[in-house]
Amino acid sequence: MVAVGISWNGMSRPYVVDGDTKVTARYFIDDVLSKMIKENLPRLHGKNSHKITVHFDSAKSHVDKLTQEWMEENHPNYILDCV
């Protein structure tokens, strides 16, 4: 699996997840999300990074309470898919 972030300013670097890896909320936060938020948003959007809304689909690791709590603390501008 490959995770990427896409915006009008470009694309984040790809995060490759080994096929045998179970993507838990903890894995998603530590190995994908924190890097996207803390490295790629500033690279792509500079001082406007805090204005960017992050959109998630309904994957279990995205809607998990741990992920939502992390987002509230680190980048509260996010939307969960309601599917």
N, C-alpha and C. Protein backbone atom coordinates (compact mmCIF):
# COMPACT_ATOMS: atom_id res chain seq x y z
N MET A 1 0.84 -1.16 0.00
CA MET A 1 0.00 0.00 0.00
C MET A 1 0.90 1.23 0.00
N VAL A 2 0.41 2.27 -0.62
CA VAL A 2 1.13 3.55 -0.65
C VAL A 2 0.17 4.64 -0.19
N ALA A 3 0.64 5.46 0.73
CA ALA A 3 -0.15 6.59 1.21
C ALA A 3 0.50 7.87 0.71
N VAL A 4 -0.32 8.79 0.19
CA VAL A 4 0.18 10.09 -0.25
C VAL A 4 -0.85 11.16 0.11
N GLY A 5 -0.37 12.36 0.22
CA GLY A 5 -1.24 13.51 0.38
C GLY A 5 -1.18 14.32 -0.90
N ILE A 6 -2.31 14.81 -1.36
CA ILE A 6 -2.37 15.57 -2.61
C ILE A 6 -3.06 16.91 -2.33
N SER A 7 -2.46 17.98 -2.84
CA SER A 7 -3.06 19.30 -2.70
C SER A 7 -2.79 20.10 -3.96
N TRP A 8 -3.34 21.31 -4.02
CA TRP A 8 -3.14 22.17 -5.19
C TRP A 8 -1.67 22.58 -5.34
N ASN A 9 -0.87 22.46 -4.28
CA ASN A 9 0.54 22.81 -4.35
C ASN A 9 1.45 21.62 -4.65
N GLY A 10 0.87 20.46 -4.81
CA GLY A 10 1.68 19.28 -5.12
C GLY A 10 1.31 18.09 -4.27
N MET A 11 2.22 17.14 -4.25
CA MET A 11 1.98 15.86 -3.59
C MET A 11 3.03 15.63 -2.51
N SER A 12 2.61 15.00 -1.42
CA SER A 12 3.57 14.62 -0.39
C SER A 12 4.47 13.52 -0.94
N ARG A 13 5.50 13.24 -0.21
CA ARG A 13 6.29 12.09 -0.62
C ARG A 13 5.43 10.85 -0.37
N PRO A 14 5.64 9.78 -1.12
CA PRO A 14 4.86 8.56 -0.89
C PRO A 14 5.37 7.82 0.35
N TYR A 15 4.45 7.26 1.09
CA TYR A 15 4.77 6.44 2.26
C TYR A 15 4.38 5.01 1.92
N VAL A 16 5.37 4.17 1.74
CA VAL A 16 5.13 2.78 1.33
C VAL A 16 4.95 1.93 2.59
N VAL A 17 3.86 1.19 2.62
CA VAL A 17 3.55 0.30 3.73
C VAL A 17 3.68 -1.12 3.23
N ASP A 18 4.55 -1.90 3.88
CA ASP A 18 4.75 -3.29 3.50
C ASP A 18 3.43 -4.05 3.54
N GLY A 19 3.24 -4.94 2.59
CA GLY A 19 1.98 -5.68 2.45
C GLY A 19 1.60 -6.51 3.66
N ASP A 20 2.57 -6.88 4.49
CA ASP A 20 2.29 -7.69 5.68
C ASP A 20 1.99 -6.84 6.92
N THR A 21 2.11 -5.54 6.78
CA THR A 21 1.93 -4.64 7.92
C THR A 21 0.46 -4.38 8.18
N LYS A 22 0.07 -4.52 9.45
CA LYS A 22 -1.29 -4.16 9.84
C LYS A 22 -1.27 -2.67 10.19
N VAL A 23 -2.04 -1.89 9.48
CA VAL A 23 -2.04 -0.44 9.68
C VAL A 23 -3.02 -0.09 10.80
N THR A 24 -2.49 -0.09 12.01
CA THR A 24 -3.26 0.32 13.18
C THR A 24 -3.23 1.84 13.27
N ALA A 25 -4.01 2.38 14.16
CA ALA A 25 -3.98 3.83 14.37
C ALA A 25 -2.59 4.28 14.80
N ARG A 26 -1.95 3.53 15.69
CA ARG A 26 -0.61 3.89 16.16
C ARG A 26 0.38 3.89 15.00
N TYR A 27 0.33 2.86 14.15
CA TYR A 27 1.23 2.80 12.99
C TYR A 27 0.95 3.98 12.06
N PHE A 28 -0.31 4.23 11.77
CA PHE A 28 -0.70 5.33 10.88
C PHE A 28 -0.17 6.67 11.41
N ILE A 29 -0.34 6.92 12.70
CA ILE A 29 0.13 8.17 13.29
C ILE A 29 1.65 8.27 13.23
N ASP A 30 2.34 7.23 13.69
CA ASP A 30 3.80 7.28 13.80
C ASP A 30 4.52 7.25 12.47
N ASP A 31 4.02 6.47 11.53
CA ASP A 31 4.78 6.22 10.30
C ASP A 31 4.26 6.96 9.06
N VAL A 32 3.06 7.51 9.15
CA VAL A 32 2.51 8.21 7.99
C VAL A 32 2.04 9.61 8.37
N LEU A 33 1.03 9.69 9.18
CA LEU A 33 0.35 10.96 9.46
C LEU A 33 1.26 12.03 10.04
N SER A 34 2.03 11.70 11.06
CA SER A 34 2.89 12.71 11.69
C SER A 34 3.89 13.27 10.69
N LYS A 35 4.40 12.43 9.81
CA LYS A 35 5.36 12.89 8.80
C LYS A 35 4.66 13.77 7.75
N MET A 36 3.46 13.37 7.36
CA MET A 36 2.73 14.20 6.40
C MET A 36 2.44 15.58 6.97
N ILE A 37 1.97 15.62 8.21
CA ILE A 37 1.58 16.89 8.84
C ILE A 37 2.80 17.75 9.16
N LYS A 38 3.84 17.14 9.72
CA LYS A 38 4.97 17.92 10.22
C LYS A 38 6.06 18.18 9.18
N GLU A 39 6.13 17.37 8.13
CA GLU A 39 7.16 17.55 7.11
C GLU A 39 6.59 18.08 5.80
N ASN A 40 5.54 17.44 5.31
CA ASN A 40 5.04 17.76 3.98
C ASN A 40 4.16 18.99 3.91
N LEU A 41 3.31 19.22 4.90
CA LEU A 41 2.49 20.43 4.86
C LEU A 41 3.36 21.69 4.85
N PRO A 42 4.37 21.78 5.72
CA PRO A 42 5.23 22.97 5.66
C PRO A 42 5.98 23.08 4.33
N ARG A 43 6.42 21.98 3.78
CA ARG A 43 7.14 22.01 2.51
C ARG A 43 6.24 22.51 1.39
N LEU A 44 5.00 22.04 1.38
CA LEU A 44 4.08 22.39 0.30
C LEU A 44 3.37 23.73 0.51
N HIS A 45 3.11 24.10 1.77
CA HIS A 45 2.26 25.26 2.03
C HIS A 45 2.89 26.33 2.92
N GLY A 46 4.10 26.10 3.37
CA GLY A 46 4.82 27.11 4.16
C GLY A 46 4.03 27.62 5.35
N LYS A 47 3.99 28.94 5.49
CA LYS A 47 3.33 29.55 6.66
C LYS A 47 1.81 29.36 6.65
N ASN A 48 1.24 28.88 5.57
CA ASN A 48 -0.20 28.63 5.50
C ASN A 48 -0.57 27.19 5.86
N SER A 49 0.39 26.40 6.32
CA SER A 49 0.14 24.99 6.63
C SER A 49 -1.03 24.79 7.59
N HIS A 50 -1.14 25.68 8.57
CA HIS A 50 -2.20 25.54 9.57
C HIS A 50 -3.60 25.76 8.98
N LYS A 51 -3.68 26.35 7.79
CA LYS A 51 -4.97 26.61 7.16
C LYS A 51 -5.46 25.44 6.31
N ILE A 52 -4.61 24.47 6.06
CA ILE A 52 -4.94 23.35 5.19
C ILE A 52 -5.86 22.38 5.91
N THR A 53 -6.94 21.98 5.26
CA THR A 53 -7.85 20.98 5.80
C THR A 53 -7.43 19.61 5.28
N VAL A 54 -7.23 18.69 6.21
CA VAL A 54 -6.86 17.32 5.86
C VAL A 54 -8.13 16.48 5.82
N HIS A 55 -8.31 15.70 4.76
CA HIS A 55 -9.50 14.87 4.59
C HIS A 55 -9.10 13.41 4.65
N PHE A 56 -9.81 12.64 5.47
CA PHE A 56 -9.56 11.21 5.61
C PHE A 56 -10.73 10.42 5.03
N ASP A 57 -10.43 9.23 4.51
CA ASP A 57 -11.52 8.32 4.17
C ASP A 57 -11.90 7.57 5.45
N SER A 58 -12.70 6.54 5.33
CA SER A 58 -13.22 5.87 6.52
C SER A 58 -12.43 4.63 6.92
N ALA A 59 -11.16 4.56 6.56
CA ALA A 59 -10.31 3.44 6.99
C ALA A 59 -10.27 3.41 8.52
N LYS A 60 -10.21 2.21 9.09
CA LYS A 60 -10.24 2.08 10.55
C LYS A 60 -9.16 2.91 11.24
N SER A 61 -7.96 2.92 10.67
CA SER A 61 -6.88 3.68 11.31
C SER A 61 -7.11 5.18 11.22
N HIS A 62 -7.93 5.63 10.30
CA HIS A 62 -8.23 7.06 10.15
C HIS A 62 -9.31 7.52 11.13
N VAL A 63 -10.29 6.68 11.37
CA VAL A 63 -11.42 7.07 12.23
C VAL A 63 -11.24 6.65 13.69
N ASP A 64 -10.16 5.97 13.97
CA ASP A 64 -9.87 5.53 15.34
C ASP A 64 -9.76 6.75 16.27
N LYS A 65 -10.22 6.58 17.49
CA LYS A 65 -10.19 7.67 18.48
C LYS A 65 -8.77 8.20 18.69
N LEU A 66 -7.78 7.34 18.69
CA LEU A 66 -6.38 7.75 18.87
C LEU A 66 -5.94 8.71 17.77
N THR A 67 -6.32 8.41 16.53
CA THR A 67 -5.98 9.28 15.40
C THR A 67 -6.69 10.63 15.52
N GLN A 68 -7.96 10.59 15.88
CA GLN A 68 -8.71 11.84 16.03
C GLN A 68 -8.13 12.71 17.15
N GLU A 69 -7.74 12.08 18.25
CA GLU A 69 -7.12 12.83 19.35
C GLU A 69 -5.80 13.44 18.91
N TRP A 70 -5.00 12.68 18.15
CA TRP A 70 -3.71 13.19 17.66
C TRP A 70 -3.95 14.40 16.76
N MET A 71 -4.94 14.29 15.88
CA MET A 71 -5.24 15.40 14.98
C MET A 71 -5.70 16.63 15.75
N GLU A 72 -6.54 16.45 16.75
CA GLU A 72 -7.01 17.59 17.55
C GLU A 72 -5.84 18.33 18.19
N GLU A 73 -4.83 17.58 18.63
CA GLU A 73 -3.67 18.18 19.28
C GLU A 73 -2.67 18.78 18.29
N ASN A 74 -2.56 18.21 17.10
CA ASN A 74 -1.49 18.57 16.18
C ASN A 74 -1.93 19.32 14.92
N HIS A 75 -3.14 19.09 14.47
CA HIS A 75 -3.64 19.77 13.27
C HIS A 75 -5.17 19.66 13.26
N PRO A 76 -5.83 20.52 14.05
CA PRO A 76 -7.28 20.36 14.24
C PRO A 76 -8.14 20.60 13.01
N ASN A 77 -7.56 21.02 11.92
CA ASN A 77 -8.32 21.29 10.70
C ASN A 77 -8.40 20.01 9.86
N TYR A 78 -9.35 19.13 10.18
CA TYR A 78 -9.48 17.88 9.44
C TYR A 78 -10.94 17.48 9.30
N ILE A 79 -11.20 16.62 8.32
CA ILE A 79 -12.55 16.12 8.04
C ILE A 79 -12.49 14.61 7.93
N LEU A 80 -13.40 13.93 8.59
CA LEU A 80 -13.54 12.48 8.44
C LEU A 80 -14.60 12.21 7.39
N ASP A 81 -14.34 11.24 6.53
CA ASP A 81 -15.33 10.84 5.54
C ASP A 81 -16.51 10.21 6.28
N CYS A 82 -17.69 10.52 5.90
CA CYS A 82 -18.89 10.04 6.60
C CYS A 82 -19.46 8.77 6.00
N VAL A 83 -18.69 8.04 5.25
CA VAL A 83 -19.19 6.83 4.60
C VAL A 83 -19.29 5.72 5.59
